[in-house]
Amino acid sequence: MGRENEDAIYVGTNNRYLFSVIADGAGSSAFAKEAAHCTVNTAADFFARRHLDLFEKEEFQTGKDLVFAVQQALFEKAEVLHADFKEMMCTLIATVIDTKKKLYMSIHVGDGLVAITEKGKTDIVSYPENGITRQFTYMLNSENVMKHLRIKTGPFEPGAELFMCTDGAMEACFHKSEYIRRIQQISKFRCFTDDATYCKIC
């Protein structure tokens, strides 16, 4: 949603993993759309090509591998566009479920939000990360991105639901209770003024 949507989303699966990726391109960049689409396509390929190893490595290493892969793709895309890598600005939220081990992993850089609902109770897995104002966040092409890479893992039991969204879907939310209320009502919420992309996986 939004007049100029600079979000991108991809949901996919292979014979082991179910995964979803959302990227939000920075509106201040002329290449926001290109950065977001490049990010989700690269991350989707990263997950689709793996069949056994995602949950075998140390979880932070998996996140670093993904970020490095996306950064390389953004650098190459910038060259094709005759742009500066600094202009390839976007956030990243990825969730992957190991359907055999019944585990989930979330990989998050920037704002947006990840939550899990189990047995009727919703908990926030990863909150938005902003800087001195809510308008500032951290991007994949930042030099210090690894300091802002957040990874969570946990069990994913039958009946559980993972929720992920860009910051536009959580406008005017400031506290956990407000985030949870928005998640529960989002399918009926129609007052977005910014790009609002969300996904539920169950």
N, C-alpha and C. Protein backbone atom coordinates (compact mmCIF):
# COMPACT_ATOMS: atom_id res chain seq x y z
N MET A 1 0.84 -1.18 0.00
CA MET A 1 0.00 0.00 0.00
C MET A 1 0.88 1.24 0.00
N GLY A 2 0.26 2.40 -0.28
CA GLY A 2 1.05 3.63 -0.33
C GLY A 2 1.15 4.12 -1.76
N ARG A 3 1.32 5.42 -1.93
CA ARG A 3 1.33 5.98 -3.28
C ARG A 3 2.55 5.54 -4.08
N GLU A 4 3.68 5.42 -3.42
CA GLU A 4 4.90 5.01 -4.11
C GLU A 4 5.54 3.91 -3.30
N ASN A 5 5.12 2.69 -3.56
CA ASN A 5 5.54 1.58 -2.72
C ASN A 5 6.97 1.16 -3.06
N GLU A 6 7.84 1.22 -2.07
CA GLU A 6 9.24 0.85 -2.25
C GLU A 6 9.59 -0.40 -1.43
N ASP A 7 8.54 -1.17 -1.07
CA ASP A 7 8.74 -2.45 -0.40
C ASP A 7 8.81 -3.56 -1.43
N ALA A 8 9.40 -4.67 -1.04
CA ALA A 8 9.40 -5.87 -1.88
C ALA A 8 9.26 -7.07 -0.96
N ILE A 9 8.61 -8.13 -1.45
CA ILE A 9 8.38 -9.31 -0.63
C ILE A 9 8.51 -10.57 -1.48
N TYR A 10 8.97 -11.65 -0.85
CA TYR A 10 9.09 -12.94 -1.53
C TYR A 10 8.80 -14.03 -0.49
N VAL A 11 7.96 -14.97 -0.86
CA VAL A 11 7.68 -16.14 -0.03
C VAL A 11 7.98 -17.38 -0.85
N GLY A 12 8.73 -18.31 -0.29
CA GLY A 12 9.11 -19.50 -1.06
C GLY A 12 9.35 -20.70 -0.18
N THR A 13 9.67 -21.81 -0.82
CA THR A 13 9.95 -23.05 -0.09
C THR A 13 10.86 -23.93 -0.92
N ASN A 14 11.57 -24.83 -0.24
CA ASN A 14 12.24 -25.93 -0.92
C ASN A 14 11.83 -27.20 -0.18
N ASN A 15 12.55 -28.27 -0.31
CA ASN A 15 12.10 -29.51 0.32
C ASN A 15 12.36 -29.56 1.82
N ARG A 16 12.93 -28.48 2.38
CA ARG A 16 13.24 -28.46 3.81
C ARG A 16 12.75 -27.20 4.51
N TYR A 17 12.85 -26.05 3.84
CA TYR A 17 12.59 -24.78 4.48
C TYR A 17 11.42 -24.03 3.84
N LEU A 18 10.69 -23.31 4.69
CA LEU A 18 9.69 -22.34 4.26
C LEU A 18 10.23 -20.97 4.66
N PHE A 19 10.32 -20.05 3.72
CA PHE A 19 10.97 -18.78 4.03
C PHE A 19 10.21 -17.60 3.46
N SER A 20 10.39 -16.47 4.08
CA SER A 20 9.78 -15.22 3.63
C SER A 20 10.78 -14.10 3.83
N VAL A 21 10.83 -13.18 2.86
CA VAL A 21 11.76 -12.05 2.92
C VAL A 21 11.02 -10.77 2.57
N ILE A 22 11.22 -9.75 3.38
CA ILE A 22 10.66 -8.42 3.10
C ILE A 22 11.79 -7.40 3.17
N ALA A 23 11.84 -6.50 2.21
CA ALA A 23 12.80 -5.41 2.22
C ALA A 23 12.06 -4.10 1.99
N ASP A 24 12.51 -3.07 2.67
CA ASP A 24 11.90 -1.74 2.57
C ASP A 24 12.96 -0.77 2.08
N GLY A 25 12.82 -0.32 0.83
CA GLY A 25 13.77 0.64 0.28
C GLY A 25 13.59 2.01 0.89
N ALA A 26 14.71 2.70 1.14
CA ALA A 26 14.66 4.03 1.75
C ALA A 26 14.12 5.04 0.75
N GLY A 27 13.06 5.75 1.15
CA GLY A 27 12.42 6.71 0.26
C GLY A 27 13.33 7.85 -0.16
N SER A 28 14.39 8.09 0.62
CA SER A 28 15.32 9.17 0.30
C SER A 28 16.28 8.80 -0.83
N SER A 29 16.27 7.53 -1.24
CA SER A 29 17.17 7.07 -2.29
C SER A 29 16.45 6.95 -3.63
N ALA A 30 17.13 7.35 -4.69
CA ALA A 30 16.54 7.25 -6.03
C ALA A 30 16.43 5.79 -6.48
N PHE A 31 17.13 4.88 -5.81
CA PHE A 31 17.14 3.48 -6.23
C PHE A 31 16.53 2.58 -5.16
N ALA A 32 15.57 3.11 -4.42
CA ALA A 32 14.95 2.36 -3.32
C ALA A 32 14.28 1.08 -3.82
N LYS A 33 13.50 1.19 -4.89
CA LYS A 33 12.81 0.00 -5.42
C LYS A 33 13.80 -1.05 -5.88
N GLU A 34 14.80 -0.61 -6.61
CA GLU A 34 15.80 -1.55 -7.13
C GLU A 34 16.54 -2.26 -5.99
N ALA A 35 16.87 -1.51 -4.94
CA ALA A 35 17.56 -2.11 -3.80
C ALA A 35 16.68 -3.14 -3.10
N ALA A 36 15.40 -2.80 -2.91
CA ALA A 36 14.49 -3.72 -2.22
C ALA A 36 14.29 -5.00 -3.02
N HIS A 37 14.06 -4.89 -4.31
CA HIS A 37 13.84 -6.09 -5.13
C HIS A 37 15.10 -6.93 -5.25
N CYS A 38 16.25 -6.29 -5.36
CA CYS A 38 17.51 -7.02 -5.41
C CYS A 38 17.72 -7.79 -4.10
N THR A 39 17.39 -7.16 -3.00
CA THR A 39 17.56 -7.79 -1.69
C THR A 39 16.68 -9.02 -1.54
N VAL A 40 15.40 -8.91 -1.85
CA VAL A 40 14.52 -10.07 -1.64
C VAL A 40 14.87 -11.21 -2.60
N ASN A 41 15.23 -10.88 -3.83
CA ASN A 41 15.58 -11.94 -4.79
C ASN A 41 16.85 -12.66 -4.37
N THR A 42 17.84 -11.91 -3.89
CA THR A 42 19.09 -12.53 -3.45
C THR A 42 18.88 -13.37 -2.20
N ALA A 43 18.12 -12.84 -1.24
CA ALA A 43 17.87 -13.59 -0.01
C ALA A 43 17.05 -14.84 -0.30
N ALA A 44 16.07 -14.74 -1.18
CA ALA A 44 15.26 -15.91 -1.53
C ALA A 44 16.12 -17.00 -2.17
N ASP A 45 17.04 -16.60 -3.04
CA ASP A 45 17.95 -17.55 -3.66
C ASP A 45 18.88 -18.17 -2.61
N PHE A 46 19.32 -17.37 -1.66
CA PHE A 46 20.18 -17.84 -0.57
C PHE A 46 19.49 -18.98 0.19
N PHE A 47 18.22 -18.79 0.52
CA PHE A 47 17.49 -19.82 1.26
C PHE A 47 17.14 -21.02 0.38
N ALA A 48 16.71 -20.76 -0.84
CA ALA A 48 16.25 -21.83 -1.72
C ALA A 48 17.35 -22.83 -2.05
N ARG A 49 18.59 -22.36 -2.09
CA ARG A 49 19.71 -23.23 -2.46
C ARG A 49 20.21 -24.10 -1.30
N ARG A 50 19.71 -23.82 -0.10
CA ARG A 50 20.17 -24.58 1.05
C ARG A 50 19.14 -25.63 1.45
N HIS A 51 19.63 -26.82 1.78
CA HIS A 51 18.73 -27.92 2.10
C HIS A 51 19.00 -28.54 3.46
N LEU A 52 20.19 -28.30 4.02
CA LEU A 52 20.52 -28.95 5.29
C LEU A 52 21.22 -28.03 6.29
N ASP A 53 21.91 -26.99 5.81
CA ASP A 53 22.89 -26.34 6.67
C ASP A 53 22.43 -25.09 7.40
N LEU A 54 21.25 -24.58 7.16
CA LEU A 54 20.86 -23.29 7.74
C LEU A 54 20.86 -23.31 9.26
N PHE A 55 20.40 -24.40 9.85
CA PHE A 55 20.33 -24.48 11.30
C PHE A 55 21.48 -25.28 11.90
N GLU A 56 22.45 -25.65 11.07
CA GLU A 56 23.61 -26.38 11.56
C GLU A 56 24.73 -25.42 11.98
N LYS A 57 24.84 -24.30 11.27
CA LYS A 57 25.86 -23.32 11.60
C LYS A 57 25.46 -22.53 12.85
N GLU A 58 26.44 -21.81 13.42
CA GLU A 58 26.14 -20.84 14.46
C GLU A 58 25.23 -19.79 13.84
N GLU A 59 24.15 -19.43 14.51
CA GLU A 59 23.10 -18.63 13.88
C GLU A 59 23.59 -17.27 13.39
N PHE A 60 24.50 -16.63 14.14
CA PHE A 60 24.99 -15.33 13.68
C PHE A 60 25.78 -15.47 12.39
N GLN A 61 26.47 -16.58 12.21
CA GLN A 61 27.21 -16.80 10.97
C GLN A 61 26.26 -16.92 9.79
N THR A 62 25.13 -17.59 9.99
CA THR A 62 24.13 -17.68 8.93
C THR A 62 23.65 -16.29 8.53
N GLY A 63 23.39 -15.45 9.53
CA GLY A 63 22.96 -14.08 9.24
C GLY A 63 24.02 -13.28 8.51
N LYS A 64 25.27 -13.42 8.94
CA LYS A 64 26.37 -12.72 8.27
C LYS A 64 26.50 -13.19 6.82
N ASP A 65 26.40 -14.49 6.59
CA ASP A 65 26.49 -15.02 5.22
C ASP A 65 25.41 -14.41 4.34
N LEU A 66 24.20 -14.31 4.89
CA LEU A 66 23.10 -13.72 4.12
C LEU A 66 23.37 -12.25 3.82
N VAL A 67 23.78 -11.50 4.82
CA VAL A 67 24.04 -10.07 4.61
C VAL A 67 25.15 -9.86 3.60
N PHE A 68 26.23 -10.63 3.69
CA PHE A 68 27.32 -10.51 2.72
C PHE A 68 26.83 -10.81 1.30
N ALA A 69 25.99 -11.82 1.15
CA ALA A 69 25.46 -12.17 -0.17
C ALA A 69 24.62 -11.04 -0.73
N VAL A 70 23.78 -10.45 0.12
CA VAL A 70 22.94 -9.34 -0.33
C VAL A 70 23.78 -8.11 -0.66
N GLN A 71 24.76 -7.81 0.18
CA GLN A 71 25.61 -6.65 -0.09
C GLN A 71 26.34 -6.79 -1.42
N GLN A 72 26.84 -7.98 -1.71
CA GLN A 72 27.51 -8.20 -2.99
C GLN A 72 26.56 -7.97 -4.15
N ALA A 73 25.34 -8.49 -4.02
CA ALA A 73 24.34 -8.31 -5.07
C ALA A 73 23.97 -6.83 -5.23
N LEU A 74 23.86 -6.10 -4.12
CA LEU A 74 23.55 -4.67 -4.19
C LEU A 74 24.68 -3.89 -4.84
N PHE A 75 25.92 -4.27 -4.54
CA PHE A 75 27.08 -3.62 -5.16
C PHE A 75 27.06 -3.83 -6.67
N GLU A 76 26.79 -5.07 -7.09
CA GLU A 76 26.76 -5.38 -8.53
C GLU A 76 25.59 -4.68 -9.21
N LYS A 77 24.46 -4.60 -8.51
CA LYS A 77 23.30 -3.90 -9.07
C LYS A 77 23.58 -2.42 -9.23
N ALA A 78 24.28 -1.84 -8.26
CA ALA A 78 24.64 -0.42 -8.34
C ALA A 78 25.51 -0.15 -9.56
N GLU A 79 26.44 -1.06 -9.86
CA GLU A 79 27.29 -0.88 -11.03
C GLU A 79 26.47 -0.90 -12.32
N VAL A 80 25.50 -1.82 -12.39
CA VAL A 80 24.63 -1.89 -13.57
C VAL A 80 23.82 -0.60 -13.73
N LEU A 81 23.39 -0.04 -12.61
CA LEU A 81 22.57 1.18 -12.64
C LEU A 81 23.41 2.46 -12.73
N HIS A 82 24.76 2.30 -12.75
CA HIS A 82 25.67 3.45 -12.72
C HIS A 82 25.38 4.32 -11.49
N ALA A 83 25.15 3.64 -10.37
CA ALA A 83 24.84 4.31 -9.12
C ALA A 83 25.95 4.04 -8.11
N ASP A 84 25.89 4.77 -7.02
CA ASP A 84 26.81 4.56 -5.91
C ASP A 84 26.20 3.51 -4.98
N PHE A 85 27.03 2.62 -4.47
CA PHE A 85 26.56 1.60 -3.53
C PHE A 85 25.84 2.24 -2.34
N LYS A 86 26.24 3.44 -1.95
CA LYS A 86 25.61 4.13 -0.82
C LYS A 86 24.14 4.44 -1.09
N GLU A 87 23.76 4.45 -2.36
CA GLU A 87 22.36 4.74 -2.70
C GLU A 87 21.47 3.49 -2.65
N MET A 88 22.06 2.32 -2.50
CA MET A 88 21.29 1.07 -2.48
C MET A 88 20.83 0.79 -1.05
N MET A 89 19.90 1.59 -0.58
CA MET A 89 19.51 1.61 0.82
C MET A 89 18.20 0.85 1.04
N CYS A 90 18.27 -0.17 1.89
CA CYS A 90 17.03 -0.85 2.28
C CYS A 90 17.25 -1.67 3.54
N THR A 91 16.14 -1.99 4.17
CA THR A 91 16.15 -2.83 5.36
C THR A 91 15.90 -4.28 4.95
N LEU A 92 15.98 -5.18 5.93
CA LEU A 92 15.77 -6.60 5.66
C LEU A 92 15.09 -7.27 6.84
N ILE A 93 14.05 -8.02 6.53
CA ILE A 93 13.48 -8.97 7.50
C ILE A 93 13.31 -10.29 6.78
N ALA A 94 13.89 -11.34 7.33
CA ALA A 94 13.75 -12.67 6.75
C ALA A 94 13.38 -13.65 7.85
N THR A 95 12.47 -14.54 7.56
CA THR A 95 12.16 -15.64 8.48
C THR A 95 12.25 -16.94 7.69
N VAL A 96 12.78 -17.96 8.34
CA VAL A 96 12.88 -19.27 7.71
C VAL A 96 12.48 -20.33 8.73
N ILE A 97 11.68 -21.28 8.29
CA ILE A 97 11.21 -22.36 9.15
C ILE A 97 11.78 -23.67 8.65
N ASP A 98 12.42 -24.41 9.54
CA ASP A 98 12.87 -25.77 9.24
C ASP A 98 11.68 -26.69 9.50
N THR A 99 11.08 -27.18 8.42
CA THR A 99 9.84 -27.94 8.55
C THR A 99 10.03 -29.32 9.17
N LYS A 100 11.27 -29.81 9.19
CA LYS A 100 11.54 -31.11 9.79
C LYS A 100 11.89 -30.98 11.27
N LYS A 101 12.74 -30.01 11.59
CA LYS A 101 13.14 -29.82 12.99
C LYS A 101 12.15 -28.99 13.78
N LYS A 102 11.19 -28.35 13.08
CA LYS A 102 10.20 -27.50 13.73
C LYS A 102 10.88 -26.35 14.49
N LEU A 103 11.75 -25.65 13.77
CA LEU A 103 12.46 -24.50 14.31
C LEU A 103 12.26 -23.31 13.38
N TYR A 104 12.36 -22.10 13.93
CA TYR A 104 12.34 -20.91 13.09
C TYR A 104 13.57 -20.07 13.38
N MET A 105 13.92 -19.24 12.40
CA MET A 105 14.98 -18.25 12.55
C MET A 105 14.50 -16.95 11.94
N SER A 106 14.74 -15.85 12.62
CA SER A 106 14.48 -14.53 12.03
C SER A 106 15.79 -13.77 11.91
N ILE A 107 15.96 -13.07 10.80
CA ILE A 107 17.15 -12.28 10.52
C ILE A 107 16.68 -10.88 10.19
N HIS A 108 17.14 -9.89 10.94
CA HIS A 108 16.51 -8.56 10.89
C HIS A 108 17.56 -7.47 10.92
N VAL A 109 17.45 -6.54 9.98
CA VAL A 109 18.26 -5.32 9.96
C VAL A 109 17.32 -4.15 9.70
N GLY A 110 17.28 -3.19 10.63
CA GLY A 110 16.48 -1.99 10.42
C GLY A 110 15.18 -1.99 11.21
N ASP A 111 14.21 -1.23 10.69
CA ASP A 111 12.91 -1.17 11.36
C ASP A 111 12.03 -2.30 10.84
N GLY A 112 10.73 -2.19 11.02
CA GLY A 112 9.87 -3.33 10.78
C GLY A 112 9.80 -4.18 12.03
N LEU A 113 9.13 -5.32 11.95
CA LEU A 113 8.86 -6.09 13.16
C LEU A 113 8.64 -7.55 12.82
N VAL A 114 9.02 -8.44 13.76
CA VAL A 114 8.74 -9.87 13.66
C VAL A 114 8.07 -10.31 14.96
N ALA A 115 7.01 -11.10 14.84
CA ALA A 115 6.30 -11.60 16.01
C ALA A 115 5.91 -13.05 15.79
N ILE A 116 5.63 -13.75 16.88
CA ILE A 116 5.16 -15.13 16.80
C ILE A 116 3.93 -15.28 17.68
N THR A 117 2.94 -16.00 17.18
CA THR A 117 1.73 -16.30 17.94
C THR A 117 1.65 -17.80 18.15
N GLU A 118 1.53 -18.18 19.41
CA GLU A 118 1.40 -19.59 19.78
C GLU A 118 0.32 -19.71 20.86
N LYS A 119 -0.59 -20.64 20.64
CA LYS A 119 -1.65 -20.92 21.61
C LYS A 119 -2.38 -19.64 22.01
N GLY A 120 -2.63 -18.79 21.01
CA GLY A 120 -3.39 -17.57 21.24
C GLY A 120 -2.62 -16.41 21.85
N LYS A 121 -1.33 -16.59 22.13
CA LYS A 121 -0.52 -15.54 22.72
C LYS A 121 0.51 -15.04 21.72
N THR A 122 0.59 -13.72 21.55
CA THR A 122 1.53 -13.11 20.61
C THR A 122 2.69 -12.48 21.36
N ASP A 123 3.91 -12.80 20.95
CA ASP A 123 5.12 -12.19 21.50
C ASP A 123 5.92 -11.56 20.37
N ILE A 124 6.61 -10.47 20.69
CA ILE A 124 7.46 -9.81 19.71
C ILE A 124 8.81 -10.51 19.68
N VAL A 125 9.21 -10.97 18.52
CA VAL A 125 10.50 -11.64 18.34
C VAL A 125 11.60 -10.61 18.11
N SER A 126 11.32 -9.61 17.28
CA SER A 126 12.31 -8.59 16.93
C SER A 126 11.61 -7.26 16.70
N TYR A 127 11.97 -6.27 17.51
CA TYR A 127 11.36 -4.94 17.44
C TYR A 127 12.02 -4.09 16.35
N PRO A 128 11.36 -3.01 15.93
CA PRO A 128 12.02 -2.06 15.03
C PRO A 128 13.23 -1.44 15.71
N GLU A 129 14.28 -1.18 14.95
CA GLU A 129 15.45 -0.49 15.48
C GLU A 129 15.58 0.84 14.78
N ASN A 130 15.46 1.90 15.56
CA ASN A 130 15.57 3.25 15.02
C ASN A 130 16.73 3.97 15.69
N GLY A 131 17.07 5.11 15.13
CA GLY A 131 18.15 5.90 15.70
C GLY A 131 17.60 7.00 16.59
N ILE A 132 18.08 8.22 16.40
CA ILE A 132 17.67 9.32 17.26
C ILE A 132 16.22 9.71 17.04
N THR A 133 15.65 9.36 15.88
CA THR A 133 14.23 9.58 15.63
C THR A 133 13.64 8.33 15.01
N ARG A 134 12.30 8.24 14.99
CA ARG A 134 11.64 7.08 14.39
C ARG A 134 11.78 7.08 12.87
N GLN A 135 12.22 8.21 12.30
CA GLN A 135 12.41 8.28 10.85
C GLN A 135 13.77 7.71 10.43
N PHE A 136 14.64 7.48 11.38
CA PHE A 136 15.97 6.96 11.07
C PHE A 136 16.04 5.48 11.40
N THR A 137 16.65 4.71 10.50
CA THR A 137 16.90 3.31 10.81
C THR A 137 18.20 2.88 10.16
N TYR A 138 18.54 1.62 10.29
CA TYR A 138 19.81 1.10 9.79
C TYR A 138 19.57 0.30 8.51
N MET A 139 20.51 0.39 7.59
CA MET A 139 20.35 -0.18 6.26
C MET A 139 21.39 -1.27 5.99
N LEU A 140 21.08 -2.12 5.03
CA LEU A 140 21.98 -3.22 4.67
C LEU A 140 23.32 -2.75 4.13
N ASN A 141 23.34 -1.56 3.54
CA ASN A 141 24.60 -1.08 2.97
C ASN A 141 25.38 -0.20 3.93
N SER A 142 24.97 -0.17 5.20
CA SER A 142 25.71 0.59 6.21
C SER A 142 27.04 -0.10 6.51
N GLU A 143 28.07 0.67 6.77
CA GLU A 143 29.37 0.10 7.08
C GLU A 143 29.33 -0.73 8.36
N ASN A 144 28.50 -0.33 9.32
CA ASN A 144 28.44 -1.01 10.61
C ASN A 144 27.23 -1.92 10.71
N VAL A 145 26.79 -2.46 9.58
CA VAL A 145 25.54 -3.23 9.57
C VAL A 145 25.58 -4.42 10.52
N MET A 146 26.74 -5.06 10.69
CA MET A 146 26.79 -6.25 11.54
C MET A 146 26.49 -5.93 13.01
N LYS A 147 26.71 -4.68 13.41
CA LYS A 147 26.37 -4.29 14.77
C LYS A 147 24.85 -4.20 14.96
N HIS A 148 24.14 -4.15 13.85
CA HIS A 148 22.68 -4.00 13.90
C HIS A 148 21.95 -5.20 13.32
N LEU A 149 22.69 -6.29 13.16
CA LEU A 149 22.11 -7.54 12.68
C LEU A 149 21.55 -8.31 13.87
N ARG A 150 20.25 -8.57 13.84
CA ARG A 150 19.59 -9.25 14.97
C ARG A 150 19.02 -10.58 14.49
N ILE A 151 19.36 -11.62 15.20
CA ILE A 151 18.94 -12.97 14.81
C ILE A 151 18.31 -13.66 16.01
N LYS A 152 17.17 -14.25 15.80
CA LYS A 152 16.50 -15.01 16.85
C LYS A 152 16.12 -16.38 16.29
N THR A 153 16.20 -17.39 17.15
CA THR A 153 15.74 -18.72 16.77
C THR A 153 14.87 -19.26 17.90
N GLY A 154 14.04 -20.24 17.54
CA GLY A 154 13.19 -20.85 18.54
C GLY A 154 12.35 -21.95 17.95
N PRO A 155 11.60 -22.65 18.78
CA PRO A 155 10.74 -23.73 18.28
C PRO A 155 9.55 -23.17 17.50
N PHE A 156 9.11 -23.93 16.52
CA PHE A 156 7.93 -23.54 15.74
C PHE A 156 6.99 -24.74 15.71
N GLU A 157 6.09 -24.76 16.68
CA GLU A 157 5.20 -25.89 16.87
C GLU A 157 3.99 -25.81 15.95
N PRO A 158 3.31 -26.93 15.69
CA PRO A 158 2.08 -26.91 14.89
C PRO A 158 1.08 -25.91 15.47
N GLY A 159 0.49 -25.11 14.60
CA GLY A 159 -0.47 -24.10 15.02
C GLY A 159 0.15 -22.74 15.26
N ALA A 160 1.48 -22.66 15.29
CA ALA A 160 2.15 -21.37 15.49
C ALA A 160 2.06 -20.53 14.21
N GLU A 161 2.23 -19.22 14.38
CA GLU A 161 2.17 -18.30 13.24
C GLU A 161 3.25 -17.24 13.40
N LEU A 162 4.08 -17.08 12.36
CA LEU A 162 5.07 -16.01 12.33
C LEU A 162 4.51 -14.83 11.55
N PHE A 163 4.72 -13.64 12.09
CA PHE A 163 4.26 -12.41 11.46
C PHE A 163 5.46 -11.51 11.23
N MET A 164 5.55 -10.90 10.07
CA MET A 164 6.62 -9.96 9.77
C MET A 164 6.06 -8.81 8.94
N CYS A 165 6.61 -7.61 9.14
CA CYS A 165 6.07 -6.46 8.41
C CYS A 165 7.11 -5.34 8.31
N THR A 166 6.88 -4.43 7.38
CA THR A 166 7.69 -3.22 7.28
C THR A 166 7.15 -2.19 8.27
N ASP A 167 7.90 -1.11 8.44
CA ASP A 167 7.53 -0.12 9.46
C ASP A 167 6.20 0.55 9.18
N GLY A 168 5.82 0.66 7.92
CA GLY A 168 4.56 1.32 7.60
C GLY A 168 3.35 0.64 8.19
N ALA A 169 3.45 -0.66 8.42
CA ALA A 169 2.32 -1.40 8.98
C ALA A 169 2.16 -1.17 10.48
N MET A 170 3.18 -0.57 11.11
CA MET A 170 3.14 -0.35 12.56
C MET A 170 3.12 1.14 12.91
N GLU A 171 2.62 1.97 12.01
CA GLU A 171 2.55 3.41 12.27
C GLU A 171 1.73 3.68 13.54
N ALA A 172 2.18 4.65 14.31
CA ALA A 172 1.50 5.10 15.53
C ALA A 172 1.50 4.04 16.63
N CYS A 173 2.36 3.02 16.50
CA CYS A 173 2.53 2.03 17.57
C CYS A 173 3.85 2.32 18.28
N PHE A 174 3.81 2.34 19.63
CA PHE A 174 5.00 2.68 20.39
C PHE A 174 5.33 1.66 21.48
N HIS A 175 4.34 0.85 21.86
CA HIS A 175 4.53 -0.09 22.96
C HIS A 175 4.12 -1.50 22.52
N LYS A 176 4.60 -2.49 23.26
CA LYS A 176 4.32 -3.88 22.92
C LYS A 176 2.83 -4.13 22.74
N SER A 177 2.02 -3.62 23.64
CA SER A 177 0.58 -3.86 23.56
C SER A 177 -0.01 -3.27 22.29
N GLU A 178 0.53 -2.12 21.84
CA GLU A 178 0.03 -1.50 20.60
C GLU A 178 0.46 -2.31 19.38
N TYR A 179 1.69 -2.82 19.40
CA TYR A 179 2.13 -3.67 18.29
C TYR A 179 1.25 -4.92 18.19
N ILE A 180 1.00 -5.54 19.32
CA ILE A 180 0.20 -6.77 19.31
C ILE A 180 -1.23 -6.49 18.85
N ARG A 181 -1.80 -5.40 19.30
CA ARG A 181 -3.15 -5.04 18.86
C ARG A 181 -3.20 -4.82 17.35
N ARG A 182 -2.16 -4.15 16.81
CA ARG A 182 -2.13 -3.92 15.36
C ARG A 182 -2.00 -5.23 14.60
N ILE A 183 -1.16 -6.15 15.08
CA ILE A 183 -1.01 -7.45 14.44
C ILE A 183 -2.35 -8.17 14.38
N GLN A 184 -3.09 -8.11 15.46
CA GLN A 184 -4.37 -8.80 15.53
C GLN A 184 -5.42 -8.17 14.62
N GLN A 185 -5.28 -6.86 14.36
CA GLN A 185 -6.30 -6.14 13.60
C GLN A 185 -5.86 -5.75 12.20
N ILE A 186 -4.65 -6.14 11.80
CA ILE A 186 -4.05 -5.55 10.60
C ILE A 186 -4.84 -5.85 9.32
N SER A 187 -5.48 -7.00 9.26
CA SER A 187 -6.22 -7.32 8.04
C SER A 187 -7.41 -6.39 7.83
N LYS A 188 -7.83 -5.68 8.90
CA LYS A 188 -8.96 -4.76 8.80
C LYS A 188 -8.52 -3.30 8.89
N PHE A 189 -7.21 -3.08 9.12
CA PHE A 189 -6.70 -1.73 9.29
C PHE A 189 -6.52 -1.07 7.92
N ARG A 190 -7.03 0.12 7.75
CA ARG A 190 -7.00 0.77 6.43
C ARG A 190 -6.45 2.19 6.48
N CYS A 191 -5.68 2.53 7.49
CA CYS A 191 -5.23 3.91 7.67
C CYS A 191 -3.73 4.07 7.44
N PHE A 192 -3.13 3.21 6.64
CA PHE A 192 -1.70 3.34 6.37
C PHE A 192 -1.43 4.59 5.55
N THR A 193 -0.41 5.35 5.94
CA THR A 193 -0.01 6.50 5.13
C THR A 193 1.35 6.26 4.47
N ASP A 194 2.05 5.21 4.90
CA ASP A 194 3.34 4.83 4.32
C ASP A 194 3.19 3.44 3.71
N ASP A 195 4.22 3.01 2.96
CA ASP A 195 4.21 1.66 2.44
C ASP A 195 3.97 0.68 3.59
N ALA A 196 3.09 -0.27 3.39
CA ALA A 196 2.79 -1.23 4.46
C ALA A 196 2.73 -2.62 3.85
N THR A 197 3.74 -3.41 4.15
CA THR A 197 3.81 -4.78 3.65
C THR A 197 3.93 -5.73 4.83
N TYR A 198 3.11 -6.78 4.84
CA TYR A 198 3.19 -7.74 5.93
C TYR A 198 2.92 -9.14 5.41
N CYS A 199 3.34 -10.12 6.20
CA CYS A 199 3.21 -11.51 5.80
C CYS A 199 3.00 -12.35 7.06
N LYS A 200 2.12 -13.34 6.96
CA LYS A 200 1.92 -14.31 8.03
C LYS A 200 2.25 -15.70 7.50
N ILE A 201 3.04 -16.44 8.27
CA ILE A 201 3.39 -17.80 7.89
C ILE A 201 2.95 -18.74 9.00
N CYS A 202 2.21 -19.77 8.64
CA CYS A 202 1.73 -20.70 9.66
C CYS A 202 1.77 -22.13 9.11
